[in-house]
Amino acid sequence: MALGFVPGKKKGQHYELAMFALNKAKKVNLLLKGQTEKHFEFTIVSHLQSSPRLRKNLITQIGVDEVEKMTKANLFGFSHWPDVSIGNSGTAVEIKVVQGGPGMRDILGQAIAYRMHYRFVILVVIDQTPECKIVELCQDKTSQEYRLLSGLADELNIFSIVGPLGQSKNVVFSGRRRVMRETGPSAAKKEDAPKPSPDVKGGSTPSGL
């Protein structure tokens, strides 16, 4: 693939798990003041682990033993580990509290590094800038920020959740040519259907991917 990224087709079981995780994570309430990045990481990981479909495939940094199973992204001589991965090379999830420009530069750089080794990347941006400027820009379809995150999702398989827009409301760039406003609990609830899904935690790759 161009840019040296791992090929990632928007179909098949790895993609379905990535979209399922994105739909699950976008319902998390990011409207919590005074919380640390670790708190948000724990909250989001717990939310993902509540799904039987995702739980068996999640690798997190919460457990030391788990980190050793995680695929590290090597770039420019440095190693980087995402906060969560779905399988060893399926989807990397990075969670970041952003209080200004440097934070956004960091997480976008991390996204590129992870995309070199993972089929899909999900960024969760918790906007703690004055007046939630990042969220405001991401809602504006004429802004370069909107175009950037839309392009990353559409072309590079780097999806984003940016919030808070409100309580359990976040802006989502899902790579489906549109930005969704997730309304959390008020949205139609789809219970984690016990759909059969592959155990990709051990690194096995479903056929056709």
Protein backbone atom coordinates (compact mmCIF):
# COMPACT_ATOMS: atom_id res chain seq x y z
CA MET A 1 0.00 0.00 0.00
CA ALA A 2 1.14 3.59 -0.60
CA LEU A 3 3.14 5.19 2.23
CA GLY A 4 4.15 1.77 3.52
CA PHE A 5 0.91 1.18 5.41
CA VAL A 6 -0.34 -2.32 6.14
CA PRO A 7 -3.13 -3.14 3.66
CA GLY A 8 -6.56 -2.81 5.26
CA LYS A 9 -9.65 -3.65 3.26
CA LYS A 10 -12.91 -2.11 4.41
CA LYS A 11 -14.61 -5.47 4.54
CA GLY A 12 -14.19 -8.71 6.36
CA GLN A 13 -13.92 -9.55 10.03
CA HIS A 14 -11.10 -7.19 11.02
CA TYR A 15 -13.05 -4.26 9.56
CA GLU A 16 -16.27 -5.39 11.21
CA LEU A 17 -14.54 -5.52 14.60
CA ALA A 18 -13.03 -2.06 14.01
CA MET A 19 -16.45 -0.59 13.18
CA PHE A 20 -18.06 -2.40 16.10
CA ALA A 21 -15.43 -0.94 18.46
CA LEU A 22 -15.89 2.54 16.95
CA ASN A 23 -19.65 2.36 17.43
CA LYS A 24 -19.15 1.15 20.99
CA ALA A 25 -16.54 3.78 21.95
CA LYS A 26 -18.45 6.72 20.49
CA LYS A 27 -21.12 6.29 23.17
CA VAL A 28 -18.69 6.95 26.03
CA ASN A 29 -19.36 10.12 28.02
CA LEU A 30 -16.33 12.39 27.50
CA LEU A 31 -18.00 15.32 29.28
CA LEU A 32 -16.13 14.72 32.53
CA LYS A 33 -14.22 17.63 34.00
CA GLY A 34 -10.94 17.34 35.84
CA GLN A 35 -10.29 13.74 34.85
CA THR A 36 -6.85 12.51 33.87
CA GLU A 37 -5.97 10.77 30.64
CA LYS A 38 -5.56 7.52 32.60
CA HIS A 39 -9.12 7.86 33.86
CA PHE A 40 -10.47 8.23 30.33
CA GLU A 41 -8.35 5.29 29.17
CA PHE A 42 -9.77 3.10 31.93
CA THR A 43 -13.33 4.25 31.19
CA ILE A 44 -13.08 3.56 27.46
CA VAL A 45 -11.30 0.23 27.92
CA SER A 46 -13.97 -0.87 30.41
CA HIS A 47 -16.68 0.16 27.96
CA LEU A 48 -15.09 -1.90 25.18
CA GLN A 49 -14.52 -4.87 27.48
CA SER A 50 -18.21 -4.91 28.36
CA SER A 51 -18.81 -6.36 24.91
CA PRO A 52 -18.39 -10.14 24.76
CA ARG A 53 -17.69 -9.77 21.07
CA LEU A 54 -14.72 -7.46 21.67
CA ARG A 55 -13.46 -8.74 25.01
CA LYS A 56 -11.72 -11.85 23.73
CA ASN A 57 -9.81 -9.84 21.12
CA LEU A 58 -8.75 -6.82 23.22
CA ILE A 59 -5.14 -6.29 24.26
CA THR A 60 -4.63 -3.37 26.64
CA GLN A 61 -1.85 -1.59 28.50
CA ILE A 62 -3.66 -2.02 31.79
CA GLY A 63 -2.02 -5.39 32.40
CA VAL A 64 1.77 -5.65 32.08
CA ASP A 65 1.52 -9.14 30.60
CA GLU A 66 -0.88 -7.87 27.97
CA VAL A 67 1.54 -5.19 26.72
CA GLU A 68 4.00 -7.90 25.74
CA LYS A 69 1.38 -9.36 23.38
CA MET A 70 0.74 -6.01 21.70
CA THR A 71 2.30 -5.22 18.33
CA LYS A 72 4.62 -2.25 18.75
CA ALA A 73 4.90 0.33 16.01
CA ASN A 74 8.53 0.95 15.12
CA LEU A 75 9.26 4.17 13.27
CA PHE A 76 12.45 6.25 13.03
CA GLY A 77 14.15 3.99 15.53
CA PHE A 78 11.51 4.41 18.24
CA SER A 79 8.82 2.03 19.47
CA HIS A 80 5.24 3.06 20.12
CA TRP A 81 2.40 1.09 21.71
CA PRO A 82 -1.29 2.03 21.36
CA ASP A 83 -3.48 2.19 24.44
CA VAL A 84 -5.57 -0.71 23.14
CA SER A 85 -5.37 -3.08 20.20
CA ILE A 86 -7.93 -5.42 18.72
CA GLY A 87 -5.84 -8.41 17.78
CA ASN A 88 -2.12 -8.09 17.13
CA SER A 89 -2.43 -6.17 13.88
CA GLY A 90 -6.14 -5.46 13.45
CA THR A 91 -6.99 -2.12 15.05
CA ALA A 92 -4.95 0.24 17.22
CA VAL A 93 -6.89 2.53 19.58
CA GLU A 94 -5.25 5.68 20.94
CA ILE A 95 -6.89 7.84 23.62
CA LYS A 96 -5.66 11.37 24.29
CA VAL A 97 -6.72 14.37 26.33
CA VAL A 98 -5.92 17.42 24.20
CA GLN A 99 -5.50 20.89 25.69
CA GLY A 100 -3.88 22.59 22.70
CA GLY A 101 -2.13 22.27 19.35
CA PRO A 102 0.78 20.10 20.54
CA GLY A 103 -1.63 17.42 21.73
CA MET A 104 -3.29 17.19 18.32
CA ARG A 105 0.09 17.02 16.59
CA ASP A 106 1.11 14.20 18.91
CA ILE A 107 -1.96 12.05 18.35
CA LEU A 108 -1.92 12.54 14.57
CA GLY A 109 1.74 11.52 14.51
CA GLN A 110 0.93 8.47 16.61
CA ALA A 111 -1.86 7.57 14.20
CA ILE A 112 0.59 7.47 11.29
CA ALA A 113 3.02 5.30 13.27
CA TYR A 114 0.30 2.83 14.25
CA ARG A 115 -1.12 2.70 10.74
CA MET A 116 2.24 1.38 9.52
CA HIS A 117 1.60 -1.80 11.53
CA TYR A 118 -2.18 -2.01 12.00
CA ARG A 119 -4.96 -2.31 9.41
CA PHE A 120 -7.10 0.30 11.17
CA VAL A 121 -6.59 3.04 13.76
CA ILE A 122 -9.19 4.62 16.05
CA LEU A 123 -8.33 7.94 17.70
CA VAL A 124 -10.33 9.14 20.70
CA VAL A 125 -9.72 12.86 21.24
CA ILE A 126 -10.96 14.38 24.50
CA ASP A 127 -11.10 18.12 23.82
CA GLN A 128 -10.18 20.15 26.89
CA THR A 129 -9.27 23.32 25.02
CA PRO A 130 -11.02 26.56 25.97
CA GLU A 131 -14.61 26.43 24.69
CA CYS A 132 -13.94 23.02 23.08
CA LYS A 133 -12.42 24.62 19.99
CA ILE A 134 -11.43 21.28 18.43
CA VAL A 135 -14.98 19.93 18.62
CA GLU A 136 -16.28 23.16 17.10
CA LEU A 137 -13.86 22.92 14.16
CA CYS A 138 -14.66 19.25 13.60
CA GLN A 139 -18.35 20.07 13.16
CA ASP A 140 -17.63 22.72 10.53
CA LYS A 141 -17.72 21.04 7.12
CA THR A 142 -15.84 23.97 5.59
CA SER A 143 -12.89 23.72 7.98
CA GLN A 144 -9.55 22.16 7.07
CA GLU A 145 -9.77 20.12 10.28
CA TYR A 146 -13.01 18.53 9.12
CA ARG A 147 -11.48 17.77 5.72
CA LEU A 148 -8.34 16.35 7.32
CA LEU A 149 -10.11 13.93 9.65
CA SER A 150 -12.59 12.99 6.93
CA GLY A 151 -9.73 12.25 4.54
CA LEU A 152 -7.84 10.19 7.11
CA ALA A 153 -10.95 8.09 7.68
CA ASP A 154 -11.91 7.77 4.01
CA GLU A 155 -8.48 7.12 2.54
CA LEU A 156 -6.16 5.87 5.28
CA ASN A 157 -8.41 3.88 7.65
CA ILE A 158 -7.67 6.28 10.52
CA PHE A 159 -11.01 6.88 12.24
CA SER A 160 -11.68 9.51 14.91
CA ILE A 161 -14.00 10.17 17.81
CA VAL A 162 -13.83 13.79 18.97
CA GLY A 163 -15.72 14.96 22.02
CA PRO A 164 -17.46 16.02 24.06
CA LEU A 165 -20.23 17.50 21.99
CA GLY A 166 -22.51 16.92 24.97
CA GLN A 167 -23.19 14.19 27.49
CA SER A 168 -22.39 10.96 25.64
CA LYS A 169 -22.42 12.95 22.38
CA ASN A 170 -19.30 12.98 20.21
CA VAL A 171 -18.33 13.76 16.63
CA VAL A 172 -17.34 10.63 14.72
CA PHE A 173 -15.33 10.29 11.52
CA SER A 174 -16.06 6.76 10.38
CA GLY A 175 -14.82 6.75 6.80
CA ARG A 176 -18.33 6.55 5.40
CA ARG A 177 -18.24 9.90 3.66
CA ARG A 178 -20.06 11.66 6.45
CA VAL A 179 -19.59 12.76 10.01
CA MET A 180 -21.99 11.37 12.57
CA ARG A 181 -23.18 12.99 15.77
CA GLU A 182 -23.61 10.18 18.24
CA THR A 183 -26.36 10.74 20.76
CA GLY A 184 -25.24 8.05 23.16
CA PRO A 185 -28.01 6.52 25.25
CA SER A 186 -30.70 8.22 23.17
CA ALA A 187 -29.49 6.48 20.02
CA ALA A 188 -31.00 3.20 19.00
CA LYS A 189 -29.34 0.63 21.23
CA LYS A 190 -27.98 -2.42 19.54
CA GLU A 191 -27.07 -4.98 22.14
CA ASP A 192 -23.81 -6.77 21.56
CA ALA A 193 -25.20 -9.46 19.44
CA PRO A 194 -23.42 -12.66 20.08
CA LYS A 195 -22.38 -12.59 16.41
CA PRO A 196 -19.66 -15.13 15.87
CA SER A 197 -16.37 -13.31 15.48
CA PRO A 198 -12.87 -14.63 15.07
CA ASP A 199 -10.41 -14.74 17.92
CA VAL A 200 -7.77 -12.46 16.42
CA LYS A 201 -6.01 -11.80 19.71
CA GLY A 202 -3.45 -14.45 19.02
CA GLY A 203 -2.65 -12.92 15.67
CA SER A 204 -4.63 -15.27 13.43
CA THR A 205 -5.84 -13.67 10.22
CA PRO A 206 -9.27 -14.54 8.86
CA SER A 207 -9.25 -15.67 5.27
CA GLY A 208 -9.66 -12.98 2.65
CA LEU A 209 -8.02 -10.26 4.77
